[in-house]
Amino acid sequence: MDLPTTSKSKKVRREKTPCLYKGIRMRVWGKWVSEIRVPKSGGRIWLGSYDDPEKAARAYDAALYCIYGECGRFNFPGDRRPVLPAGSAVSLSKFDIQQIAMNFASSYVPVSLPVSATIKAEAQADTPTSPLVSKDMASKYEVKVDPLAPTCATGVGSSDPPEDFQLDDFLVLDTDWISDFY
């Protein structure tokens, strides 16, 4: 009695990771790649590899915009579109589409990243600073400075080091002012 044998393919397929965006996929080593099909010819345009899926999806959206204009199905329909070169309304070369897509994707800054130090510095420069101690309080208490105390950290290239002081002398506890609150 011969039983029919069913042979399964020995080729093992790796599990596909669910992709949130159209036109991108993740490589085995973790990079995200993007490519787009050229209409009517069936060819593909390589749009590059990226560290995060959002950048790869933005590259796809830029290429889609170059090929289809506003009629494409974008990954980010509400986002701005890339600026196309003047006189390129008729057609763009494969190289032009790649460059526009890569530049557009590299201009993307994820929102979840912390604000850069430059922006923080500009924001701090725009806001007026108020002293931590009122003028009345400063005239009432005196800060003693020890000339032999080591200096605090100085910035690279700064010409004026911060004032030297000892913390023990600064934190002299005077409890008379506490009774003013009650």
C-alpha atoms as a PDB file:
ATOM      1  CA  MET A   1       0.000   0.000   0.000  1.00  0.00           C
ATOM      2  CA  ASP A   2       1.614   3.185  -1.216  1.00  0.00           C
ATOM      3  CA  LEU A   3       0.664   6.353   0.557  1.00  0.00           C
ATOM      4  CA  PRO A   4       0.978   9.549  -1.412  1.00  0.00           C
ATOM      5  CA  THR A   5       3.821  11.604  -0.084  1.00  0.00           C
ATOM      6  CA  THR A   6       3.551  15.298   0.149  1.00  0.00           C
ATOM      7  CA  SER A   7       6.848  17.034   0.168  1.00  0.00           C
ATOM      8  CA  LYS A   8       7.108  20.452   1.555  1.00  0.00           C
ATOM      9  CA  SER A   9       9.525  22.822   0.006  1.00  0.00           C
ATOM     10  CA  LYS A  10      12.757  22.865   1.921  1.00  0.00           C
ATOM     11  CA  LYS A  11      13.147  26.521   1.175  1.00  0.00           C
ATOM     12  CA  VAL A  12      12.441  28.341   4.407  1.00  0.00           C
ATOM     13  CA  ARG A  13      10.912  31.752   4.020  1.00  0.00           C
ATOM     14  CA  ARG A  14      11.687  34.313   6.625  1.00  0.00           C
ATOM     15  CA  GLU A  15       8.812  35.945   8.414  1.00  0.00           C
ATOM     16  CA  LYS A  16       7.794  39.213   6.924  1.00  0.00           C
ATOM     17  CA  THR A  17       7.683  42.145   9.246  1.00  0.00           C
ATOM     18  CA  PRO A  18       4.469  44.089   8.894  1.00  0.00           C
ATOM     19  CA  CYS A  19       5.152  47.271   6.962  1.00  0.00           C
ATOM     20  CA  LEU A  20       3.204  50.383   7.741  1.00  0.00           C
ATOM     21  CA  TYR A  21       4.170  52.246   4.580  1.00  0.00           C
ATOM     22  CA  LYS A  22       3.915  51.588   0.871  1.00  0.00           C
ATOM     23  CA  GLY A  23       7.047  51.277  -1.258  1.00  0.00           C
ATOM     24  CA  ILE A  24       9.467  50.293   1.494  1.00  0.00           C
ATOM     25  CA  ARG A  25      10.809  47.118   3.066  1.00  0.00           C
ATOM     26  CA  MET A  26      13.244  46.183   5.783  1.00  0.00           C
ATOM     27  CA  ARG A  27      16.493  44.410   5.020  1.00  0.00           C
ATOM     28  CA  VAL A  28      17.659  41.481   7.157  1.00  0.00           C
ATOM     29  CA  TRP A  29      20.274  43.684   8.855  1.00  0.00           C
ATOM     30  CA  GLY A  30      17.733  46.318   9.828  1.00  0.00           C
ATOM     31  CA  LYS A  31      18.035  49.044   7.177  1.00  0.00           C
ATOM     32  CA  TRP A  32      14.895  50.274   5.453  1.00  0.00           C
ATOM     33  CA  VAL A  33      14.965  50.497   1.661  1.00  0.00           C
ATOM     34  CA  SER A  34      12.690  52.252  -0.749  1.00  0.00           C
ATOM     35  CA  GLU A  35      11.970  51.772  -4.448  1.00  0.00           C
ATOM     36  CA  ILE A  36       9.181  52.632  -6.841  1.00  0.00           C
ATOM     37  CA  ARG A  37       7.884  51.031 -10.033  1.00  0.00           C
ATOM     38  CA  VAL A  38       7.955  53.064 -13.209  1.00  0.00           C
ATOM     39  CA  PRO A  39       4.528  53.103 -14.865  1.00  0.00           C
ATOM     40  CA  LYS A  40       4.081  51.240 -18.180  1.00  0.00           C
ATOM     41  CA  SER A  41       7.671  49.925 -18.294  1.00  0.00           C
ATOM     42  CA  GLY A  42       7.595  47.768 -15.161  1.00  0.00           C
ATOM     43  CA  GLY A  43      11.104  48.906 -14.234  1.00  0.00           C
ATOM     44  CA  ARG A  44      12.022  50.091 -10.782  1.00  0.00           C
ATOM     45  CA  ILE A  45      13.795  53.151  -9.471  1.00  0.00           C
ATOM     46  CA  TRP A  46      15.999  52.576  -6.436  1.00  0.00           C
ATOM     47  CA  LEU A  47      15.406  55.345  -3.907  1.00  0.00           C
ATOM     48  CA  GLY A  48      18.008  54.392  -1.303  1.00  0.00           C
ATOM     49  CA  SER A  49      18.365  52.790   2.100  1.00  0.00           C
ATOM     50  CA  TYR A  50      17.533  54.577   5.330  1.00  0.00           C
ATOM     51  CA  ASP A  51      17.824  54.089   9.081  1.00  0.00           C
ATOM     52  CA  ASP A  52      14.136  54.517   9.835  1.00  0.00           C
ATOM     53  CA  PRO A  53      10.964  53.616   7.927  1.00  0.00           C
ATOM     54  CA  GLU A  54       9.595  57.173   7.915  1.00  0.00           C
ATOM     55  CA  LYS A  55      12.540  58.458   5.875  1.00  0.00           C
ATOM     56  CA  ALA A  56      12.202  55.597   3.390  1.00  0.00           C
ATOM     57  CA  ALA A  57       8.464  56.274   3.100  1.00  0.00           C
ATOM     58  CA  ARG A  58       9.112  59.975   2.506  1.00  0.00           C
ATOM     59  CA  ALA A  59      11.547  59.089  -0.282  1.00  0.00           C
ATOM     60  CA  TYR A  60       8.801  56.950  -1.847  1.00  0.00           C
ATOM     61  CA  ASP A  61       6.294  59.797  -1.506  1.00  0.00           C
ATOM     62  CA  ALA A  62       8.702  62.216  -3.203  1.00  0.00           C
ATOM     63  CA  ALA A  63       9.259  59.825  -6.117  1.00  0.00           C
ATOM     64  CA  LEU A  64       5.517  59.188  -6.352  1.00  0.00           C
ATOM     65  CA  TYR A  65       4.932  62.933  -6.551  1.00  0.00           C
ATOM     66  CA  CYS A  66       7.555  63.242  -9.307  1.00  0.00           C
ATOM     67  CA  ILE A  67       5.822  60.546 -11.360  1.00  0.00           C
ATOM     68  CA  TYR A  68       2.105  61.007 -10.634  1.00  0.00           C
ATOM     69  CA  GLY A  69       1.810  64.512  -9.211  1.00  0.00           C
ATOM     70  CA  GLU A  70      -0.968  65.030  -6.679  1.00  0.00           C
ATOM     71  CA  CYS A  71      -2.856  61.958  -7.969  1.00  0.00           C
ATOM     72  CA  GLY A  72      -0.651  59.420  -6.155  1.00  0.00           C
ATOM     73  CA  ARG A  73      -1.545  57.478  -3.001  1.00  0.00           C
ATOM     74  CA  PHE A  74       0.905  58.922  -0.514  1.00  0.00           C
ATOM     75  CA  ASN A  75       2.085  57.465   2.777  1.00  0.00           C
ATOM     76  CA  PHE A  76       1.805  60.934   4.325  1.00  0.00           C
ATOM     77  CA  PRO A  77      -1.057  62.648   2.459  1.00  0.00           C
ATOM     78  CA  GLY A  78      -1.088  65.739   4.659  1.00  0.00           C
ATOM     79  CA  ASP A  79       2.648  66.478   4.470  1.00  0.00           C
ATOM     80  CA  ARG A  80       4.327  68.978   2.202  1.00  0.00           C
ATOM     81  CA  ARG A  81       5.552  67.851  -1.221  1.00  0.00           C
ATOM     82  CA  PRO A  82       9.070  68.176  -2.642  1.00  0.00           C
ATOM     83  CA  VAL A  83       9.935  71.190  -4.749  1.00  0.00           C
ATOM     84  CA  LEU A  84      10.496  70.121  -8.337  1.00  0.00           C
ATOM     85  CA  PRO A  85      13.083  71.879 -10.516  1.00  0.00           C
ATOM     86  CA  ALA A  86      11.778  74.632 -12.800  1.00  0.00           C
ATOM     87  CA  GLY A  87      10.709  73.341 -16.215  1.00  0.00           C
ATOM     88  CA  SER A  88      10.383  69.740 -15.032  1.00  0.00           C
ATOM     89  CA  ALA A  89       6.622  69.500 -15.490  1.00  0.00           C
ATOM     90  CA  VAL A  90       7.002  67.281 -18.571  1.00  0.00           C
ATOM     91  CA  SER A  91       9.318  64.514 -17.353  1.00  0.00           C
ATOM     92  CA  LEU A  92      12.172  63.805 -14.990  1.00  0.00           C
ATOM     93  CA  SER A  93      14.982  61.350 -15.539  1.00  0.00           C
ATOM     94  CA  LYS A  94      15.515  58.346 -13.281  1.00  0.00           C
ATOM     95  CA  PHE A  95      18.539  60.085 -11.770  1.00  0.00           C
ATOM     96  CA  ASP A  96      16.522  63.282 -11.111  1.00  0.00           C
ATOM     97  CA  ILE A  97      13.797  61.308  -9.309  1.00  0.00           C
ATOM     98  CA  GLN A  98      16.408  59.512  -7.170  1.00  0.00           C
ATOM     99  CA  GLN A  99      18.063  62.792  -6.190  1.00  0.00           C
ATOM    100  CA  ILE A 100      14.776  64.527  -5.365  1.00  0.00           C
ATOM    101  CA  ALA A 101      13.633  61.526  -3.277  1.00  0.00           C
ATOM    102  CA  MET A 102      16.915  61.233  -1.361  1.00  0.00           C
ATOM    103  CA  ASN A 103      17.080  64.968  -0.646  1.00  0.00           C
ATOM    104  CA  PHE A 104      13.451  65.056   0.453  1.00  0.00           C
ATOM    105  CA  ALA A 105      13.897  62.044   2.762  1.00  0.00           C
ATOM    106  CA  SER A 106      17.082  63.446   4.292  1.00  0.00           C
ATOM    107  CA  SER A 107      15.320  66.733   5.102  1.00  0.00           C
ATOM    108  CA  TYR A 108      12.934  64.867   7.406  1.00  0.00           C
ATOM    109  CA  VAL A 109      13.518  65.284  11.156  1.00  0.00           C
ATOM    110  CA  PRO A 110      11.445  62.974  13.345  1.00  0.00           C
ATOM    111  CA  VAL A 111       9.314  64.757  15.944  1.00  0.00           C
ATOM    112  CA  SER A 112      10.310  62.352  18.697  1.00  0.00           C
ATOM    113  CA  LEU A 113      13.927  63.532  18.635  1.00  0.00           C
ATOM    114  CA  PRO A 114      14.999  65.990  21.330  1.00  0.00           C
ATOM    115  CA  VAL A 115      15.367  69.617  20.398  1.00  0.00           C
ATOM    116  CA  SER A 116      18.865  70.458  19.250  1.00  0.00           C
ATOM    117  CA  ALA A 117      21.176  72.519  21.404  1.00  0.00           C
ATOM    118  CA  THR A 118      21.068  75.357  18.891  1.00  0.00           C
ATOM    119  CA  ILE A 119      17.321  75.734  19.158  1.00  0.00           C
ATOM    120  CA  LYS A 120      17.507  75.511  22.952  1.00  0.00           C
ATOM    121  CA  ALA A 121      20.164  78.222  23.036  1.00  0.00           C
ATOM    122  CA  GLU A 122      18.092  80.488  20.784  1.00  0.00           C
ATOM    123  CA  ALA A 123      15.002  79.956  22.933  1.00  0.00           C
ATOM    124  CA  GLN A 124      16.933  80.775  26.087  1.00  0.00           C
ATOM    125  CA  ALA A 125      18.414  83.894  24.494  1.00  0.00           C
ATOM    126  CA  ASP A 126      14.937  85.113  23.534  1.00  0.00           C
ATOM    127  CA  THR A 127      13.460  84.756  27.020  1.00  0.00           C
ATOM    128  CA  PRO A 128      14.408  87.378  29.589  1.00  0.00           C
ATOM    129  CA  THR A 129      16.030  85.974  32.683  1.00  0.00           C
ATOM    130  CA  SER A 130      15.008  87.007  36.145  1.00  0.00           C
ATOM    131  CA  PRO A 131      17.379  86.848  39.085  1.00  0.00           C
ATOM    132  CA  LEU A 132      16.902  83.969  41.486  1.00  0.00           C
ATOM    133  CA  VAL A 133      17.365  86.249  44.481  1.00  0.00           C
ATOM    134  CA  SER A 134      15.540  89.543  44.807  1.00  0.00           C
ATOM    135  CA  LYS A 135      17.557  92.742  45.188  1.00  0.00           C
ATOM    136  CA  ASP A 136      16.230  93.181  48.723  1.00  0.00           C
ATOM    137  CA  MET A 137      17.388  89.696  49.647  1.00  0.00           C
ATOM    138  CA  ALA A 138      20.786  90.163  47.958  1.00  0.00           C
ATOM    139  CA  SER A 139      21.486  93.382  49.878  1.00  0.00           C
ATOM    140  CA  LYS A 140      20.488  91.755  53.165  1.00  0.00           C
ATOM    141  CA  TYR A 141      22.825  88.746  52.846  1.00  0.00           C
ATOM    142  CA  GLU A 142      26.448  88.753  51.881  1.00  0.00           C
ATOM    143  CA  VAL A 143      28.225  86.030  49.949  1.00  0.00           C
ATOM    144  CA  LYS A 144      31.771  85.386  51.115  1.00  0.00           C
ATOM    145  CA  VAL A 145      34.285  84.352  48.453  1.00  0.00           C
ATOM    146  CA  ASP A 146      37.410  82.384  49.283  1.00  0.00           C
ATOM    147  CA  PRO A 147      40.211  83.503  46.938  1.00  0.00           C
ATOM    148  CA  LEU A 148      41.969  80.125  47.289  1.00  0.00           C
ATOM    149  CA  ALA A 149      38.937  78.064  46.232  1.00  0.00           C
ATOM    150  CA  PRO A 150      39.289  76.233  42.905  1.00  0.00           C
ATOM    151  CA  THR A 151      37.389  77.677  39.988  1.00  0.00           C
ATOM    152  CA  CYS A 152      34.242  76.065  38.697  1.00  0.00           C
ATOM    153  CA  ALA A 153      34.176  74.507  35.228  1.00  0.00           C
ATOM    154  CA  THR A 154      35.047  76.986  32.526  1.00  0.00           C
ATOM    155  CA  GLY A 155      33.837  76.779  28.954  1.00  0.00           C
ATOM    156  CA  VAL A 156      36.281  76.159  26.153  1.00  0.00           C
ATOM    157  CA  GLY A 157      37.581  79.452  24.897  1.00  0.00           C
ATOM    158  CA  SER A 158      35.808  81.548  27.495  1.00  0.00           C
ATOM    159  CA  SER A 159      37.781  84.526  28.658  1.00  0.00           C
ATOM    160  CA  ASP A 160      35.920  85.232  31.902  1.00  0.00           C
ATOM    161  CA  PRO A 161      35.838  82.307  34.356  1.00  0.00           C
ATOM    162  CA  PRO A 162      32.834  82.101  36.696  1.00  0.00           C
ATOM    163  CA  GLU A 163      33.143  83.630  40.124  1.00  0.00           C
ATOM    164  CA  ASP A 164      34.768  81.438  42.748  1.00  0.00           C
ATOM    165  CA  PHE A 165      32.772  80.647  45.841  1.00  0.00           C
ATOM    166  CA  GLN A 166      32.537  77.983  48.463  1.00  0.00           C
ATOM    167  CA  LEU A 167      29.207  76.340  48.865  1.00  0.00           C
ATOM    168  CA  ASP A 168      29.493  76.098  52.672  1.00  0.00           C
ATOM    169  CA  ASP A 169      29.817  79.863  53.006  1.00  0.00           C
ATOM    170  CA  PHE A 170      26.949  80.461  50.615  1.00  0.00           C
ATOM    171  CA  LEU A 171      24.489  78.217  52.439  1.00  0.00           C
ATOM    172  CA  VAL A 172      24.599  79.934  55.807  1.00  0.00           C
ATOM    173  CA  LEU A 173      21.250  79.238  57.379  1.00  0.00           C
ATOM    174  CA  ASP A 174      19.500  82.256  58.781  1.00  0.00           C
ATOM    175  CA  THR A 175      16.124  81.244  60.205  1.00  0.00           C
ATOM    176  CA  ASP A 176      14.876  84.737  61.071  1.00  0.00           C
ATOM    177  CA  TRP A 177      13.250  85.194  57.657  1.00  0.00           C
ATOM    178  CA  ILE A 178      11.120  82.048  58.089  1.00  0.00           C
ATOM    179  CA  SER A 179       8.974  83.771  60.725  1.00  0.00           C
ATOM    180  CA  ASP A 180       7.988  86.390  58.099  1.00  0.00           C
ATOM    181  CA  PHE A 181       5.872  83.770  56.294  1.00  0.00           C
ATOM    182  CA  TYR A 182       3.645  82.973  59.274  1.00  0.00           C
END
